[in-house]
Amino acid sequence: MAKRLNNVLRALWRVIRELSGDDGYERYLAHHAAAHPGTRPLEREAWFARQQQQKWAGVKRCC
């Protein structure tokens, strides 16, 4: 019973991380390994800075 509960909680945690975007760097690494083999991926800090730049670049207002 405890093992099943543990599995359910792990699955729930994965869903929460996916929905919040907290697993973004891990997804980036998986994509990079598949799409760009032989090249070095960005470090976590550089990836985060790039994500922030993309998120906040340009005008972000309604009028």
PDB file of N, CA and C in Angstrom:
ATOM      1  N   MET A   1       0.825  -1.198   0.000  1.00  0.00           N
ATOM      2  CA  MET A   1       0.000   0.000   0.000  1.00  0.00           C
ATOM      3  C   MET A   1       0.869   1.261   0.000  1.00  0.00           C
ATOM      4  N   ALA A   2       1.932   1.240   0.819  1.00  0.00           N
ATOM      5  CA  ALA A   2       2.806   2.409   0.898  1.00  0.00           C
ATOM      6  C   ALA A   2       3.526   2.631  -0.432  1.00  0.00           C
ATOM      7  N   LYS A   3       3.903   1.554  -1.103  1.00  0.00           N
ATOM      8  CA  LYS A   3       4.591   1.685  -2.393  1.00  0.00           C
ATOM      9  C   LYS A   3       3.660   2.298  -3.435  1.00  0.00           C
ATOM     10  N   ARG A   4       2.409   1.886  -3.414  1.00  0.00           N
ATOM     11  CA  ARG A   4       1.439   2.433  -4.370  1.00  0.00           C
ATOM     12  C   ARG A   4       1.206   3.927  -4.103  1.00  0.00           C
ATOM     13  N   LEU A   5       1.078   4.287  -2.839  1.00  0.00           N
ATOM     14  CA  LEU A   5       0.899   5.692  -2.478  1.00  0.00           C
ATOM     15  C   LEU A   5       2.111   6.509  -2.918  1.00  0.00           C
ATOM     16  N   ASN A   6       3.292   5.963  -2.717  1.00  0.00           N
ATOM     17  CA  ASN A   6       4.514   6.626  -3.137  1.00  0.00           C
ATOM     18  C   ASN A   6       4.521   6.849  -4.651  1.00  0.00           C
ATOM     19  N   ASN A   7       4.114   5.849  -5.416  1.00  0.00           N
ATOM     20  CA  ASN A   7       4.053   5.978  -6.878  1.00  0.00           C
ATOM     21  C   ASN A   7       3.047   7.043  -7.300  1.00  0.00           C
ATOM     22  N   VAL A   8       1.915   7.085  -6.638  1.00  0.00           N
ATOM     23  CA  VAL A   8       0.893   8.085  -6.954  1.00  0.00           C
ATOM     24  C   VAL A   8       1.411   9.483  -6.650  1.00  0.00           C
ATOM     25  N   LEU A   9       2.068   9.635  -5.509  1.00  0.00           N
ATOM     26  CA  LEU A   9       2.603  10.949  -5.146  1.00  0.00           C
ATOM     27  C   LEU A   9       3.700  11.392  -6.104  1.00  0.00           C
ATOM     28  N   ARG A  10       4.553  10.467  -6.546  1.00  0.00           N
ATOM     29  CA  ARG A  10       5.593  10.804  -7.521  1.00  0.00           C
ATOM     30  C   ARG A  10       4.971  11.237  -8.848  1.00  0.00           C
ATOM     31  N   ALA A  11       3.937  10.530  -9.283  1.00  0.00           N
ATOM     32  CA  ALA A  11       3.264  10.885 -10.535  1.00  0.00           C
ATOM     33  C   ALA A  11       2.605  12.259 -10.404  1.00  0.00           C
ATOM     34  N   LEU A  12       1.991  12.520  -9.283  1.00  0.00           N
ATOM     35  CA  LEU A  12       1.365  13.819  -9.046  1.00  0.00           C
ATOM     36  C   LEU A  12       2.413  14.929  -9.054  1.00  0.00           C
ATOM     37  N   TRP A  13       3.545  14.673  -8.426  1.00  0.00           N
ATOM     38  CA  TRP A  13       4.624  15.660  -8.401  1.00  0.00           C
ATOM     39  C   TRP A  13       5.138  15.944  -9.813  1.00  0.00           C
ATOM     40  N   ARG A  14       5.270  14.897 -10.645  1.00  0.00           N
ATOM     41  CA  ARG A  14       5.703  15.096 -12.037  1.00  0.00           C
ATOM     42  C   ARG A  14       4.712  15.969 -12.793  1.00  0.00           C
ATOM     43  N   VAL A  15       3.421  15.743 -12.583  1.00  0.00           N
ATOM     44  CA  VAL A  15       2.396  16.534 -13.261  1.00  0.00           C
ATOM     45  C   VAL A  15       2.466  17.988 -12.806  1.00  0.00           C
ATOM     46  N   ILE A  16       2.621  18.211 -11.523  1.00  0.00           N
ATOM     47  CA  ILE A  16       2.717  19.575 -11.002  1.00  0.00           C
ATOM     48  C   ILE A  16       3.932  20.286 -11.586  1.00  0.00           C
ATOM     49  N   ARG A  17       5.078  19.606 -11.644  1.00  0.00           N
ATOM     50  CA  ARG A  17       6.285  20.207 -12.209  1.00  0.00           C
ATOM     51  C   ARG A  17       6.091  20.525 -13.698  1.00  0.00           C
ATOM     52  N   GLU A  18       5.428  19.628 -14.417  1.00  0.00           N
ATOM     53  CA  GLU A  18       5.194  19.853 -15.843  1.00  0.00           C
ATOM     54  C   GLU A  18       4.267  21.042 -16.064  1.00  0.00           C
ATOM     55  N   LEU A  19       3.192  21.117 -15.306  1.00  0.00           N
ATOM     56  CA  LEU A  19       2.238  22.206 -15.472  1.00  0.00           C
ATOM     57  C   LEU A  19       2.828  23.559 -15.083  1.00  0.00           C
ATOM     58  N   SER A  20       3.691  23.575 -14.089  1.00  0.00           N
ATOM     59  CA  SER A  20       4.278  24.834 -13.631  1.00  0.00           C
ATOM     60  C   SER A  20       5.489  25.242 -14.462  1.00  0.00           C
ATOM     61  N   GLY A  21       6.028  24.323 -15.261  1.00  0.00           N
ATOM     62  CA  GLY A  21       7.216  24.616 -16.052  1.00  0.00           C
ATOM     63  C   GLY A  21       8.508  24.396 -15.291  1.00  0.00           C
ATOM     64  N   ASP A  22       8.415  23.852 -14.099  1.00  0.00           N
ATOM     65  CA  ASP A  22       9.591  23.632 -13.271  1.00  0.00           C
ATOM     66  C   ASP A  22      10.526  22.581 -13.857  1.00  0.00           C
ATOM     67  N   ASP A  23      10.012  21.733 -14.719  1.00  0.00           N
ATOM     68  CA  ASP A  23      10.847  20.698 -15.345  1.00  0.00           C
ATOM     69  C   ASP A  23      11.399  21.156 -16.702  1.00  0.00           C
ATOM     70  N   GLY A  24      11.350  22.445 -16.973  1.00  0.00           N
ATOM     71  CA  GLY A  24      11.751  22.973 -18.266  1.00  0.00           C
ATOM     72  C   GLY A  24      13.189  22.654 -18.645  1.00  0.00           C
ATOM     73  N   TYR A  25      14.099  22.767 -17.701  1.00  0.00           N
ATOM     74  CA  TYR A  25      15.502  22.499 -18.033  1.00  0.00           C
ATOM     75  C   TYR A  25      15.708  21.027 -18.360  1.00  0.00           C
ATOM     76  N   GLU A  26      15.058  20.135 -17.628  1.00  0.00           N
ATOM     77  CA  GLU A  26      15.180  18.707 -17.928  1.00  0.00           C
ATOM     78  C   GLU A  26      14.597  18.398 -19.307  1.00  0.00           C
ATOM     79  N   ARG A  27      13.475  19.034 -19.653  1.00  0.00           N
ATOM     80  CA  ARG A  27      12.899  18.834 -20.988  1.00  0.00           C
ATOM     81  C   ARG A  27      13.815  19.405 -22.064  1.00  0.00           C
ATOM     82  N   TYR A  28      14.438  20.537 -21.787  1.00  0.00           N
ATOM     83  CA  TYR A  28      15.408  21.123 -22.724  1.00  0.00           C
ATOM     84  C   TYR A  28      16.569  20.155 -22.950  1.00  0.00           C
ATOM     85  N   LEU A  29      17.102  19.574 -21.878  1.00  0.00           N
ATOM     86  CA  LEU A  29      18.214  18.641 -22.016  1.00  0.00           C
ATOM     87  C   LEU A  29      17.822  17.423 -22.853  1.00  0.00           C
ATOM     88  N   ALA A  30      16.619  16.905 -22.638  1.00  0.00           N
ATOM     89  CA  ALA A  30      16.158  15.756 -23.411  1.00  0.00           C
ATOM     90  C   ALA A  30      16.025  16.124 -24.895  1.00  0.00           C
ATOM     91  N   HIS A  31      15.447  17.292 -25.160  1.00  0.00           N
ATOM     92  CA  HIS A  31      15.307  17.747 -26.548  1.00  0.00           C
ATOM     93  C   HIS A  31      16.673  17.960 -27.186  1.00  0.00           C
ATOM     94  N   HIS A  32      17.564  18.597 -26.450  1.00  0.00           N
ATOM     95  CA  HIS A  32      18.887  18.900 -26.983  1.00  0.00           C
ATOM     96  C   HIS A  32      19.645  17.616 -27.327  1.00  0.00           C
ATOM     97  N   ALA A  33      19.560  16.627 -26.459  1.00  0.00           N
ATOM     98  CA  ALA A  33      20.240  15.359 -26.717  1.00  0.00           C
ATOM     99  C   ALA A  33      19.688  14.678 -27.967  1.00  0.00           C
ATOM    100  N   ALA A  34      18.374  14.789 -28.191  1.00  0.00           N
ATOM    101  CA  ALA A  34      17.755  14.139 -29.344  1.00  0.00           C
ATOM    102  C   ALA A  34      17.967  14.926 -30.636  1.00  0.00           C
ATOM    103  N   ALA A  35      17.865  16.251 -30.553  1.00  0.00           N
ATOM    104  CA  ALA A  35      17.895  17.064 -31.764  1.00  0.00           C
ATOM    105  C   ALA A  35      19.277  17.580 -32.131  1.00  0.00           C
ATOM    106  N   HIS A  36      20.171  17.675 -31.170  1.00  0.00           N
ATOM    107  CA  HIS A  36      21.487  18.253 -31.425  1.00  0.00           C
ATOM    108  C   HIS A  36      22.593  17.384 -30.822  1.00  0.00           C
ATOM    109  N   PRO A  37      22.679  16.136 -31.235  1.00  0.00           N
ATOM    110  CA  PRO A  37      23.717  15.268 -30.653  1.00  0.00           C
ATOM    111  C   PRO A  37      25.111  15.785 -30.999  1.00  0.00           C
ATOM    112  N   GLY A  38      26.008  15.627 -30.058  1.00  0.00           N
ATOM    113  CA  GLY A  38      27.375  16.048 -30.294  1.00  0.00           C
ATOM    114  C   GLY A  38      27.653  17.498 -29.954  1.00  0.00           C
ATOM    115  N   THR A  39      26.626  18.262 -29.642  1.00  0.00           N
ATOM    116  CA  THR A  39      26.842  19.648 -29.234  1.00  0.00           C
ATOM    117  C   THR A  39      26.556  19.768 -27.739  1.00  0.00           C
ATOM    118  N   ARG A  40      27.168  20.746 -27.144  1.00  0.00           N
ATOM    119  CA  ARG A  40      27.046  20.924 -25.699  1.00  0.00           C
ATOM    120  C   ARG A  40      25.813  21.767 -25.375  1.00  0.00           C
ATOM    121  N   PRO A  41      24.972  21.313 -24.449  1.00  0.00           N
ATOM    122  CA  PRO A  41      23.798  22.104 -24.079  1.00  0.00           C
ATOM    123  C   PRO A  41      24.193  23.291 -23.207  1.00  0.00           C
ATOM    124  N   LEU A  42      23.287  24.238 -23.086  1.00  0.00           N
ATOM    125  CA  LEU A  42      23.511  25.382 -22.212  1.00  0.00           C
ATOM    126  C   LEU A  42      23.560  24.928 -20.758  1.00  0.00           C
ATOM    127  N   GLU A  43      24.337  25.625 -19.975  1.00  0.00           N
ATOM    128  CA  GLU A  43      24.304  25.393 -18.531  1.00  0.00           C
ATOM    129  C   GLU A  43      22.959  25.900 -18.003  1.00  0.00           C
ATOM    130  N   ARG A  44      22.571  25.417 -16.826  1.00  0.00           N
ATOM    131  CA  ARG A  44      21.267  25.773 -16.262  1.00  0.00           C
ATOM    132  C   ARG A  44      21.097  27.291 -16.144  1.00  0.00           C
ATOM    133  N   GLU A  45      22.127  27.999 -15.686  1.00  0.00           N
ATOM    134  CA  GLU A  45      22.018  29.446 -15.503  1.00  0.00           C
ATOM    135  C   GLU A  45      21.836  30.166 -16.837  1.00  0.00           C
ATOM    136  N   ALA A  46      22.573  29.750 -17.853  1.00  0.00           N
ATOM    137  CA  ALA A  46      22.451  30.365 -19.180  1.00  0.00           C
ATOM    138  C   ALA A  46      21.085  30.056 -19.788  1.00  0.00           C
ATOM    139  N   TRP A  47      20.609  28.836 -19.596  1.00  0.00           N
ATOM    140  CA  TRP A  47      19.290  28.472 -20.107  1.00  0.00           C
ATOM    141  C   TRP A  47      18.215  29.321 -19.434  1.00  0.00           C
ATOM    142  N   PHE A  48      18.322  29.478 -18.105  1.00  0.00           N
ATOM    143  CA  PHE A  48      17.339  30.270 -17.371  1.00  0.00           C
ATOM    144  C   PHE A  48      17.354  31.724 -17.826  1.00  0.00           C
ATOM    145  N   ALA A  49      18.552  32.294 -18.019  1.00  0.00           N
ATOM    146  CA  ALA A  49      18.653  33.679 -18.484  1.00  0.00           C
ATOM    147  C   ALA A  49      18.017  33.832 -19.866  1.00  0.00           C
ATOM    148  N   ARG A  50      18.249  32.846 -20.742  1.00  0.00           N
ATOM    149  CA  ARG A  50      17.641  32.900 -22.076  1.00  0.00           C
ATOM    150  C   ARG A  50      16.118  32.818 -21.987  1.00  0.00           C
ATOM    151  N   GLN A  51      15.617  31.960 -21.112  1.00  0.00           N
ATOM    152  CA  GLN A  51      14.168  31.841 -20.942  1.00  0.00           C
ATOM    153  C   GLN A  51      13.576  33.148 -20.439  1.00  0.00           C
ATOM    154  N   GLN A  52      14.241  33.785 -19.479  1.00  0.00           N
ATOM    155  CA  GLN A  52      13.755  35.063 -18.955  1.00  0.00           C
ATOM    156  C   GLN A  52      13.765  36.139 -20.032  1.00  0.00           C
ATOM    157  N   GLN A  53      14.814  36.164 -20.838  1.00  0.00           N
ATOM    158  CA  GLN A  53      14.908  37.145 -21.924  1.00  0.00           C
ATOM    159  C   GLN A  53      13.767  36.949 -22.923  1.00  0.00           C
ATOM    160  N   GLN A  54      13.501  35.703 -23.290  1.00  0.00           N
ATOM    161  CA  GLN A  54      12.421  35.431 -24.237  1.00  0.00           C
ATOM    162  C   GLN A  54      11.066  35.785 -23.640  1.00  0.00           C
ATOM    163  N   LYS A  55      10.910  35.514 -22.370  1.00  0.00           N
ATOM    164  CA  LYS A  55       9.624  35.782 -21.703  1.00  0.00           C
ATOM    165  C   LYS A  55       9.338  37.273 -21.603  1.00  0.00           C
ATOM    166  N   TRP A  56      10.342  38.060 -21.292  1.00  0.00           N
ATOM    167  CA  TRP A  56      10.112  39.465 -21.001  1.00  0.00           C
ATOM    168  C   TRP A  56      10.541  40.414 -22.111  1.00  0.00           C
ATOM    169  N   ALA A  57      11.011  39.912 -23.241  1.00  0.00           N
ATOM    170  CA  ALA A  57      11.395  40.790 -24.357  1.00  0.00           C
ATOM    171  C   ALA A  57      10.154  41.357 -25.024  1.00  0.00           C
ATOM    172  N   GLY A  58      10.239  42.587 -25.444  1.00  0.00           N
ATOM    173  CA  GLY A  58       9.130  43.214 -26.151  1.00  0.00           C
ATOM    174  C   GLY A  58       8.135  43.870 -25.217  1.00  0.00           C
ATOM    175  N   VAL A  59       7.132  44.479 -25.794  1.00  0.00           N
ATOM    176  CA  VAL A  59       6.113  45.176 -25.032  1.00  0.00           C
ATOM    177  C   VAL A  59       5.148  44.178 -24.419  1.00  0.00           C
ATOM    178  N   LYS A  60       4.898  44.304 -23.148  1.00  0.00           N
ATOM    179  CA  LYS A  60       3.992  43.403 -22.436  1.00  0.00           C
ATOM    180  C   LYS A  60       2.877  44.212 -21.769  1.00  0.00           C
ATOM    181  N   ARG A  61       2.063  44.818 -22.596  1.00  0.00           N
ATOM    182  CA  ARG A  61       0.946  45.574 -22.050  1.00  0.00           C
ATOM    183  C   ARG A  61      -0.228  45.527 -23.009  1.00  0.00           C
ATOM    184  N   CYS A  62      -1.352  45.922 -22.554  1.00  0.00           N
ATOM    185  CA  CYS A  62      -2.550  45.782 -23.378  1.00  0.00           C
ATOM    186  C   CYS A  62      -2.779  46.957 -24.326  1.00  0.00           C
ATOM    187  N   CYS A  63      -2.244  48.151 -24.008  1.00  0.00           N
ATOM    188  CA  CYS A  63      -2.529  49.304 -24.871  1.00  0.00           C
ATOM    189  C   CYS A  63      -1.334  50.177 -25.119  1.00  0.00           C
TER     190      CYS A  63
END
